[in-house]
Amino acid sequence: MDEVYLKINGELFYLWRAVDQHGVVLDILVQERRNATAAKRFFKRLLAGLKYKPSKIVTDGLRSYGVAQLEVLPGVKHRTSRYLNNRAENSHRPTRRRERQMQRFKSPEQAQRFLSAHAMIYGHFHPRRHLMAAEQYHRSRDKAFQIWRQETCAQTAA
């Protein structure tokens, strides 16, 4: 888990993000604060969307995570490290890239809606390239586009 600030209309908001051990985004939440109450809200939202209970949580040194973890997930091991948290840190990069393209977000609600959808779509079309051979990567991308066309009923231009 990790959080990063977003500047929306001159105000600071925090983008909380949880990723699994493979770097797949599990949940995103945009909030005004970065305190224990905000962390608890994020933990509860995350757990509501998961079908399993995590066995370990890795975060940076923010103390709000520890308070929330003790209250919401008391039996789960909590590790804090700057370096173990790299998957979550790197998952912010596409968000920052997209934020620049959009010339910033206009409201927290718009940011929440867009980023929730963007994270899932981005993960669908960008498989973990470094973990697979080129042929497997190409098959994976072809399958992703095939599923996208099926689900959106998009017709290819002939």
N, C-alpha and C. Protein backbone atom coordinates (compact mmCIF):
# COMPACT_ATOMS: atom_id res chain seq x y z
N MET A 1 0.84 -1.17 0.00
CA MET A 1 0.00 0.00 0.00
C MET A 1 0.88 1.23 0.00
N ASP A 2 0.34 2.26 -0.62
CA ASP A 2 1.09 3.50 -0.68
C ASP A 2 0.12 4.65 -0.93
N GLU A 3 0.56 5.85 -0.62
CA GLU A 3 -0.24 7.03 -0.89
C GLU A 3 0.67 8.06 -1.55
N VAL A 4 0.05 8.89 -2.37
CA VAL A 4 0.77 9.95 -3.06
C VAL A 4 -0.17 11.14 -3.15
N TYR A 5 0.38 12.34 -3.17
CA TYR A 5 -0.49 13.51 -3.22
C TYR A 5 -0.87 13.84 -4.65
N LEU A 6 -2.05 14.41 -4.80
CA LEU A 6 -2.53 14.97 -6.07
C LEU A 6 -2.94 16.41 -5.79
N LYS A 7 -2.61 17.29 -6.69
CA LYS A 7 -3.04 18.67 -6.54
C LYS A 7 -4.25 18.85 -7.45
N ILE A 8 -5.39 19.14 -6.85
CA ILE A 8 -6.64 19.33 -7.59
C ILE A 8 -7.18 20.72 -7.25
N ASN A 9 -7.24 21.58 -8.26
CA ASN A 9 -7.68 22.97 -8.07
C ASN A 9 -6.91 23.67 -6.96
N GLY A 10 -5.63 23.44 -6.88
CA GLY A 10 -4.78 24.11 -5.90
C GLY A 10 -4.80 23.50 -4.52
N GLU A 11 -5.61 22.47 -4.29
CA GLU A 11 -5.68 21.81 -2.98
C GLU A 11 -5.00 20.46 -3.06
N LEU A 12 -4.41 20.04 -1.93
CA LEU A 12 -3.77 18.73 -1.88
C LEU A 12 -4.78 17.65 -1.50
N PHE A 13 -4.78 16.59 -2.27
CA PHE A 13 -5.56 15.40 -1.96
C PHE A 13 -4.60 14.23 -2.00
N TYR A 14 -4.98 13.13 -1.38
CA TYR A 14 -4.10 11.97 -1.35
C TYR A 14 -4.75 10.81 -2.08
N LEU A 15 -3.97 10.20 -2.92
CA LEU A 15 -4.39 9.02 -3.67
C LEU A 15 -3.82 7.81 -2.95
N TRP A 16 -4.69 7.02 -2.34
CA TRP A 16 -4.29 5.80 -1.64
C TRP A 16 -4.43 4.66 -2.64
N ARG A 17 -3.44 3.78 -2.69
CA ARG A 17 -3.44 2.69 -3.66
C ARG A 17 -2.94 1.41 -3.00
N ALA A 18 -3.62 0.31 -3.30
CA ALA A 18 -3.18 -1.00 -2.83
C ALA A 18 -2.93 -1.88 -4.05
N VAL A 19 -1.79 -2.55 -4.04
CA VAL A 19 -1.45 -3.48 -5.12
C VAL A 19 -1.12 -4.83 -4.50
N ASP A 20 -1.30 -5.90 -5.29
CA ASP A 20 -0.93 -7.22 -4.78
C ASP A 20 0.54 -7.51 -5.06
N GLN A 21 0.98 -8.73 -4.76
CA GLN A 21 2.38 -9.07 -4.89
C GLN A 21 2.85 -9.09 -6.34
N HIS A 22 1.94 -9.08 -7.30
CA HIS A 22 2.30 -9.06 -8.72
C HIS A 22 2.22 -7.66 -9.32
N GLY A 23 1.82 -6.67 -8.54
CA GLY A 23 1.71 -5.31 -9.04
C GLY A 23 0.35 -4.95 -9.60
N VAL A 24 -0.63 -5.84 -9.45
CA VAL A 24 -1.98 -5.58 -9.93
C VAL A 24 -2.69 -4.67 -8.92
N VAL A 25 -3.28 -3.61 -9.41
CA VAL A 25 -3.96 -2.64 -8.53
C VAL A 25 -5.24 -3.27 -7.98
N LEU A 26 -5.37 -3.27 -6.65
CA LEU A 26 -6.55 -3.83 -5.99
C LEU A 26 -7.60 -2.77 -5.73
N ASP A 27 -7.17 -1.59 -5.28
CA ASP A 27 -8.13 -0.54 -4.98
C ASP A 27 -7.44 0.82 -4.97
N ILE A 28 -8.23 1.84 -5.23
CA ILE A 28 -7.75 3.23 -5.24
C ILE A 28 -8.78 4.08 -4.51
N LEU A 29 -8.31 5.03 -3.72
CA LEU A 29 -9.21 5.93 -3.02
C LEU A 29 -8.57 7.32 -2.95
N VAL A 30 -9.32 8.35 -3.34
CA VAL A 30 -8.86 9.74 -3.26
C VAL A 30 -9.51 10.35 -2.02
N GLN A 31 -8.66 10.88 -1.11
CA GLN A 31 -9.15 11.48 0.14
C GLN A 31 -8.41 12.78 0.42
N GLU A 32 -8.99 13.60 1.27
CA GLU A 32 -8.38 14.87 1.62
C GLU A 32 -7.27 14.73 2.65
N ARG A 33 -7.35 13.71 3.48
CA ARG A 33 -6.42 13.60 4.60
C ARG A 33 -5.54 12.35 4.47
N ARG A 34 -4.48 12.36 5.31
CA ARG A 34 -3.54 11.26 5.32
C ARG A 34 -3.32 10.79 6.76
N ASN A 35 -4.41 10.74 7.52
CA ASN A 35 -4.30 10.38 8.93
C ASN A 35 -4.83 8.97 9.18
N ALA A 36 -4.93 8.58 10.43
CA ALA A 36 -5.36 7.22 10.79
C ALA A 36 -6.80 6.95 10.36
N THR A 37 -7.67 7.93 10.47
CA THR A 37 -9.06 7.75 10.05
C THR A 37 -9.15 7.49 8.56
N ALA A 38 -8.37 8.21 7.78
CA ALA A 38 -8.34 8.00 6.34
C ALA A 38 -7.78 6.61 6.00
N ALA A 39 -6.76 6.19 6.72
CA ALA A 39 -6.18 4.86 6.49
C ALA A 39 -7.18 3.76 6.83
N LYS A 40 -7.93 3.93 7.92
CA LYS A 40 -8.96 2.94 8.29
C LYS A 40 -10.03 2.86 7.22
N ARG A 41 -10.46 4.00 6.72
CA ARG A 41 -11.47 4.04 5.67
C ARG A 41 -10.96 3.28 4.43
N PHE A 42 -9.70 3.50 4.09
CA PHE A 42 -9.13 2.81 2.93
C PHE A 42 -9.03 1.31 3.17
N PHE A 43 -8.60 0.89 4.35
CA PHE A 43 -8.50 -0.54 4.67
C PHE A 43 -9.87 -1.21 4.57
N LYS A 44 -10.89 -0.57 5.14
CA LYS A 44 -12.24 -1.16 5.12
C LYS A 44 -12.77 -1.26 3.70
N ARG A 45 -12.53 -0.23 2.90
CA ARG A 45 -12.97 -0.27 1.49
C ARG A 45 -12.24 -1.37 0.73
N LEU A 46 -10.95 -1.50 0.99
CA LEU A 46 -10.15 -2.52 0.32
C LEU A 46 -10.63 -3.93 0.68
N LEU A 47 -10.87 -4.16 1.96
CA LEU A 47 -11.30 -5.49 2.41
C LEU A 47 -12.69 -5.84 1.90
N ALA A 48 -13.55 -4.84 1.72
CA ALA A 48 -14.89 -5.09 1.20
C ALA A 48 -14.83 -5.60 -0.23
N GLY A 49 -13.83 -5.17 -0.99
CA GLY A 49 -13.71 -5.57 -2.39
C GLY A 49 -12.91 -6.84 -2.60
N LEU A 50 -12.21 -7.32 -1.58
CA LEU A 50 -11.39 -8.53 -1.72
C LEU A 50 -12.16 -9.78 -1.35
N LYS A 51 -11.81 -10.88 -1.99
CA LYS A 51 -12.43 -12.16 -1.67
C LYS A 51 -11.61 -12.95 -0.67
N TYR A 52 -10.48 -12.41 -0.25
CA TYR A 52 -9.60 -13.08 0.69
C TYR A 52 -9.05 -12.06 1.68
N LYS A 53 -8.50 -12.56 2.76
CA LYS A 53 -7.87 -11.69 3.75
C LYS A 53 -6.36 -11.77 3.53
N PRO A 54 -5.67 -10.64 3.43
CA PRO A 54 -4.23 -10.68 3.19
C PRO A 54 -3.48 -11.27 4.39
N SER A 55 -2.37 -11.93 4.12
CA SER A 55 -1.56 -12.49 5.20
C SER A 55 -0.46 -11.53 5.63
N LYS A 56 -0.10 -10.60 4.74
CA LYS A 56 0.97 -9.65 5.04
C LYS A 56 0.68 -8.33 4.33
N ILE A 57 1.00 -7.23 4.98
CA ILE A 57 0.85 -5.90 4.40
C ILE A 57 2.22 -5.23 4.40
N VAL A 58 2.59 -4.65 3.27
CA VAL A 58 3.85 -3.92 3.17
C VAL A 58 3.52 -2.46 2.87
N THR A 59 4.04 -1.56 3.70
CA THR A 59 3.79 -0.14 3.53
C THR A 59 5.10 0.63 3.72
N ASP A 60 5.02 1.94 3.46
CA ASP A 60 6.17 2.79 3.78
C ASP A 60 6.08 3.14 5.27
N GLY A 61 6.80 4.11 5.73
CA GLY A 61 6.87 4.40 7.16
C GLY A 61 5.74 5.22 7.74
N LEU A 62 4.68 5.50 6.98
CA LEU A 62 3.58 6.32 7.49
C LEU A 62 2.92 5.62 8.68
N ARG A 63 2.84 6.30 9.80
CA ARG A 63 2.32 5.69 11.03
C ARG A 63 0.82 5.42 10.99
N SER A 64 0.11 6.11 10.13
CA SER A 64 -1.33 5.91 10.02
C SER A 64 -1.66 4.48 9.62
N TYR A 65 -0.81 3.87 8.79
CA TYR A 65 -1.03 2.48 8.39
C TYR A 65 -0.99 1.54 9.58
N GLY A 66 -0.05 1.76 10.48
CA GLY A 66 0.07 0.90 11.66
C GLY A 66 -1.14 0.96 12.55
N VAL A 67 -1.64 2.17 12.78
CA VAL A 67 -2.83 2.36 13.61
C VAL A 67 -4.03 1.67 12.97
N ALA A 68 -4.22 1.88 11.67
CA ALA A 68 -5.35 1.28 10.97
C ALA A 68 -5.24 -0.24 10.92
N GLN A 69 -4.03 -0.74 10.70
CA GLN A 69 -3.83 -2.19 10.62
C GLN A 69 -4.14 -2.85 11.96
N LEU A 70 -3.73 -2.27 13.06
CA LEU A 70 -4.01 -2.85 14.38
C LEU A 70 -5.50 -2.90 14.66
N GLU A 71 -6.23 -1.93 14.16
CA GLU A 71 -7.65 -1.87 14.43
C GLU A 71 -8.48 -2.71 13.46
N VAL A 72 -8.15 -2.66 12.16
CA VAL A 72 -8.96 -3.32 11.14
C VAL A 72 -8.48 -4.74 10.85
N LEU A 73 -7.16 -4.95 10.83
CA LEU A 73 -6.57 -6.26 10.52
C LEU A 73 -5.58 -6.67 11.62
N PRO A 74 -6.07 -7.00 12.82
CA PRO A 74 -5.15 -7.23 13.93
C PRO A 74 -4.24 -8.46 13.76
N GLY A 75 -4.64 -9.48 13.04
CA GLY A 75 -3.83 -10.69 12.94
C GLY A 75 -2.89 -10.71 11.74
N VAL A 76 -2.85 -9.66 10.98
CA VAL A 76 -2.06 -9.62 9.75
C VAL A 76 -0.69 -9.02 10.04
N LYS A 77 0.36 -9.65 9.48
CA LYS A 77 1.72 -9.16 9.66
C LYS A 77 1.90 -7.87 8.86
N HIS A 78 2.50 -6.86 9.51
CA HIS A 78 2.69 -5.55 8.87
C HIS A 78 4.18 -5.25 8.78
N ARG A 79 4.68 -5.09 7.57
CA ARG A 79 6.09 -4.76 7.36
C ARG A 79 6.19 -3.36 6.79
N THR A 80 7.12 -2.59 7.32
CA THR A 80 7.34 -1.24 6.80
C THR A 80 8.75 -1.16 6.26
N SER A 81 8.86 -0.69 5.03
CA SER A 81 10.17 -0.54 4.42
C SER A 81 10.06 0.36 3.20
N ARG A 82 11.08 1.15 2.97
CA ARG A 82 11.11 1.99 1.77
C ARG A 82 11.29 1.13 0.53
N TYR A 83 11.97 0.02 0.65
CA TYR A 83 12.37 -0.74 -0.52
C TYR A 83 11.41 -1.89 -0.85
N LEU A 84 10.74 -2.43 0.15
CA LEU A 84 9.78 -3.50 -0.11
C LEU A 84 8.52 -2.97 -0.77
N ASN A 85 8.33 -1.67 -0.73
CA ASN A 85 7.11 -1.04 -1.20
C ASN A 85 7.20 -0.59 -2.67
N ASN A 86 8.20 -1.06 -3.40
CA ASN A 86 8.43 -0.56 -4.76
C ASN A 86 7.30 -0.85 -5.73
N ARG A 87 6.60 -1.98 -5.59
CA ARG A 87 5.49 -2.27 -6.50
C ARG A 87 4.41 -1.19 -6.40
N ALA A 88 4.10 -0.81 -5.19
CA ALA A 88 3.09 0.24 -5.00
C ALA A 88 3.61 1.59 -5.48
N GLU A 89 4.87 1.89 -5.20
CA GLU A 89 5.45 3.16 -5.66
C GLU A 89 5.42 3.24 -7.19
N ASN A 90 5.80 2.16 -7.86
CA ASN A 90 5.84 2.17 -9.32
C ASN A 90 4.45 2.18 -9.95
N SER A 91 3.45 1.74 -9.23
CA SER A 91 2.10 1.75 -9.79
C SER A 91 1.54 3.17 -9.91
N HIS A 92 2.20 4.14 -9.29
CA HIS A 92 1.77 5.54 -9.42
C HIS A 92 2.24 6.16 -10.73
N ARG A 93 3.23 5.56 -11.38
CA ARG A 93 3.81 6.17 -12.57
C ARG A 93 2.81 6.37 -13.71
N PRO A 94 1.99 5.36 -14.07
CA PRO A 94 1.00 5.59 -15.12
C PRO A 94 -0.01 6.67 -14.75
N THR A 95 -0.32 6.78 -13.46
CA THR A 95 -1.25 7.81 -13.00
C THR A 95 -0.66 9.20 -13.23
N ARG A 96 0.59 9.37 -12.87
CA ARG A 96 1.24 10.67 -13.07
C ARG A 96 1.32 11.02 -14.55
N ARG A 97 1.64 10.03 -15.38
CA ARG A 97 1.72 10.25 -16.82
C ARG A 97 0.36 10.70 -17.36
N ARG A 98 -0.69 10.00 -16.94
CA ARG A 98 -2.03 10.32 -17.41
C ARG A 98 -2.51 11.67 -16.87
N GLU A 99 -2.13 11.98 -15.65
CA GLU A 99 -2.49 13.26 -15.04
C GLU A 99 -1.91 14.42 -15.86
N ARG A 100 -0.67 14.30 -16.30
CA ARG A 100 -0.06 15.34 -17.13
C ARG A 100 -0.78 15.47 -18.47
N GLN A 101 -1.14 14.31 -19.07
CA GLN A 101 -1.84 14.35 -20.35
C GLN A 101 -3.20 15.05 -20.23
N MET A 102 -3.86 14.84 -19.10
CA MET A 102 -5.18 15.43 -18.89
C MET A 102 -5.09 16.86 -18.36
N GLN A 103 -3.89 17.37 -18.14
CA GLN A 103 -3.66 18.69 -17.56
C GLN A 103 -4.33 18.80 -16.19
N ARG A 104 -4.04 17.85 -15.38
CA ARG A 104 -4.52 17.75 -13.99
C ARG A 104 -5.99 17.33 -13.91
N PHE A 105 -6.38 16.91 -12.73
CA PHE A 105 -7.77 16.53 -12.50
C PHE A 105 -8.55 17.76 -12.06
N LYS A 106 -9.82 17.78 -12.38
CA LYS A 106 -10.64 18.97 -12.12
C LYS A 106 -11.35 18.93 -10.77
N SER A 107 -11.64 17.71 -10.27
CA SER A 107 -12.28 17.56 -8.96
C SER A 107 -11.90 16.21 -8.37
N PRO A 108 -12.01 16.06 -7.05
CA PRO A 108 -11.68 14.77 -6.43
C PRO A 108 -12.60 13.65 -6.92
N GLU A 109 -13.86 13.96 -7.16
CA GLU A 109 -14.80 12.94 -7.64
C GLU A 109 -14.41 12.46 -9.03
N GLN A 110 -14.05 13.40 -9.90
CA GLN A 110 -13.63 13.04 -11.25
C GLN A 110 -12.35 12.21 -11.19
N ALA A 111 -11.41 12.59 -10.33
CA ALA A 111 -10.16 11.83 -10.18
C ALA A 111 -10.45 10.41 -9.70
N GLN A 112 -11.35 10.26 -8.72
CA GLN A 112 -11.69 8.93 -8.19
C GLN A 112 -12.31 8.06 -9.28
N ARG A 113 -13.28 8.61 -10.01
CA ARG A 113 -13.94 7.83 -11.07
C ARG A 113 -12.94 7.42 -12.15
N PHE A 114 -12.16 8.40 -12.61
CA PHE A 114 -11.23 8.12 -13.70
C PHE A 114 -10.14 7.13 -13.28
N LEU A 115 -9.53 7.37 -12.12
CA LEU A 115 -8.40 6.52 -11.71
C LEU A 115 -8.82 5.10 -11.37
N SER A 116 -10.02 4.91 -10.84
CA SER A 116 -10.51 3.56 -10.57
C SER A 116 -10.63 2.78 -11.87
N ALA A 117 -11.18 3.41 -12.88
CA ALA A 117 -11.33 2.73 -14.18
C ALA A 117 -9.98 2.61 -14.89
N HIS A 118 -9.18 3.66 -14.86
CA HIS A 118 -7.90 3.66 -15.56
C HIS A 118 -6.96 2.57 -15.05
N ALA A 119 -6.93 2.36 -13.74
CA ALA A 119 -6.03 1.35 -13.18
C ALA A 119 -6.38 -0.05 -13.69
N MET A 120 -7.67 -0.35 -13.77
CA MET A 120 -8.07 -1.68 -14.24
C MET A 120 -7.80 -1.84 -15.73
N ILE A 121 -8.10 -0.83 -16.51
CA ILE A 121 -7.89 -0.91 -17.96
C ILE A 121 -6.40 -0.93 -18.27
N TYR A 122 -5.62 -0.12 -17.58
CA TYR A 122 -4.18 -0.10 -17.81
C TYR A 122 -3.58 -1.47 -17.51
N GLY A 123 -3.99 -2.07 -16.42
CA GLY A 123 -3.49 -3.40 -16.07
C GLY A 123 -3.89 -4.47 -17.07
N HIS A 124 -5.06 -4.30 -17.68
CA HIS A 124 -5.55 -5.26 -18.67
C HIS A 124 -4.69 -5.24 -19.93
N PHE A 125 -4.28 -4.05 -20.36
CA PHE A 125 -3.54 -3.91 -21.62
C PHE A 125 -2.02 -3.91 -21.45
N HIS A 126 -1.53 -3.86 -20.23
CA HIS A 126 -0.09 -3.84 -20.01
C HIS A 126 0.32 -5.00 -19.11
N PRO A 127 0.44 -6.19 -19.68
CA PRO A 127 0.86 -7.34 -18.86
C PRO A 127 2.31 -7.14 -18.41
N ARG A 128 2.71 -7.90 -17.45
CA ARG A 128 4.05 -7.80 -16.86
C ARG A 128 5.08 -8.31 -17.86
N ARG A 129 5.53 -7.47 -18.75
CA ARG A 129 6.37 -7.82 -19.89
C ARG A 129 7.66 -8.52 -19.47
N HIS A 130 8.26 -8.08 -18.40
CA HIS A 130 9.54 -8.64 -17.99
C HIS A 130 9.44 -10.07 -17.45
N LEU A 131 8.22 -10.53 -17.22
CA LEU A 131 8.04 -11.87 -16.67
C LEU A 131 7.72 -12.92 -17.74
N MET A 132 7.66 -12.53 -19.02
CA MET A 132 7.26 -13.48 -20.05
C MET A 132 8.09 -13.33 -21.31
N ALA A 133 8.08 -14.38 -22.09
CA ALA A 133 8.78 -14.37 -23.37
C ALA A 133 7.98 -13.52 -24.36
N ALA A 134 8.65 -13.11 -25.45
CA ALA A 134 8.02 -12.22 -26.42
C ALA A 134 6.77 -12.83 -27.02
N GLU A 135 6.84 -14.11 -27.37
CA GLU A 135 5.67 -14.77 -27.99
C GLU A 135 4.49 -14.81 -27.03
N GLN A 136 4.76 -15.11 -25.78
CA GLN A 136 3.70 -15.14 -24.76
C GLN A 136 3.13 -13.74 -24.54
N TYR A 137 3.99 -12.73 -24.56
CA TYR A 137 3.56 -11.35 -24.40
C TYR A 137 2.62 -10.95 -25.54
N HIS A 138 2.98 -11.29 -26.77
CA HIS A 138 2.14 -10.94 -27.92
C HIS A 138 0.79 -11.65 -27.86
N ARG A 139 0.79 -12.92 -27.43
CA ARG A 139 -0.48 -13.64 -27.27
C ARG A 139 -1.34 -12.99 -26.20
N SER A 140 -0.70 -12.58 -25.12
CA SER A 140 -1.42 -11.95 -24.02
C SER A 140 -2.06 -10.63 -24.47
N ARG A 141 -1.32 -9.82 -25.22
CA ARG A 141 -1.86 -8.55 -25.73
C ARG A 141 -2.99 -8.80 -26.71
N ASP A 142 -2.83 -9.78 -27.62
CA ASP A 142 -3.89 -10.11 -28.57
C ASP A 142 -5.16 -10.52 -27.85
N LYS A 143 -4.99 -11.34 -26.81
CA LYS A 143 -6.14 -11.80 -26.03
C LYS A 143 -6.82 -10.62 -25.32
N ALA A 144 -6.02 -9.70 -24.79
CA ALA A 144 -6.57 -8.53 -24.11
C ALA A 144 -7.42 -7.69 -25.06
N PHE A 145 -6.90 -7.47 -26.28
CA PHE A 145 -7.66 -6.69 -27.26
C PHE A 145 -8.90 -7.44 -27.73
N GLN A 146 -8.81 -8.75 -27.84
CA GLN A 146 -9.98 -9.55 -28.23
C GLN A 146 -11.08 -9.44 -27.17
N ILE A 147 -10.70 -9.56 -25.92
CA ILE A 147 -11.67 -9.43 -24.82
C ILE A 147 -12.27 -8.03 -24.82
N TRP A 148 -11.44 -7.02 -25.04
CA TRP A 148 -11.92 -5.64 -25.07
C TRP A 148 -12.96 -5.44 -26.17
N ARG A 149 -12.66 -5.96 -27.35
CA ARG A 149 -13.61 -5.82 -28.47
C ARG A 149 -14.91 -6.56 -28.16
N GLN A 150 -14.81 -7.73 -27.55
CA GLN A 150 -16.01 -8.50 -27.19
C GLN A 150 -16.87 -7.74 -26.18
N GLU A 151 -16.23 -7.22 -25.13
CA GLU A 151 -16.96 -6.57 -24.06
C GLU A 151 -17.54 -5.22 -24.46
N THR A 152 -16.85 -4.51 -25.33
CA THR A 152 -17.33 -3.19 -25.72
C THR A 152 -18.12 -3.23 -27.03
N CYS A 153 -18.21 -4.40 -27.63
CA CYS A 153 -18.92 -4.58 -28.91
C CYS A 153 -18.33 -3.68 -29.99
N ALA A 154 -17.05 -3.44 -29.93
CA ALA A 154 -16.38 -2.59 -30.90
C ALA A 154 -16.10 -3.39 -32.17
N GLN A 155 -16.33 -2.79 -33.30
CA GLN A 155 -16.06 -3.43 -34.58
C GLN A 155 -14.73 -2.90 -35.10
N THR A 156 -13.91 -3.79 -35.64
CA THR A 156 -12.64 -3.36 -36.19
C THR A 156 -12.87 -2.83 -37.60
N ALA A 157 -12.16 -1.79 -37.95
CA ALA A 157 -12.28 -1.18 -39.28
C ALA A 157 -11.58 -2.09 -40.29
N ALA A 158 -12.27 -2.47 -41.32
CA ALA A 158 -11.70 -3.38 -42.30
C ALA A 158 -11.21 -2.64 -43.52
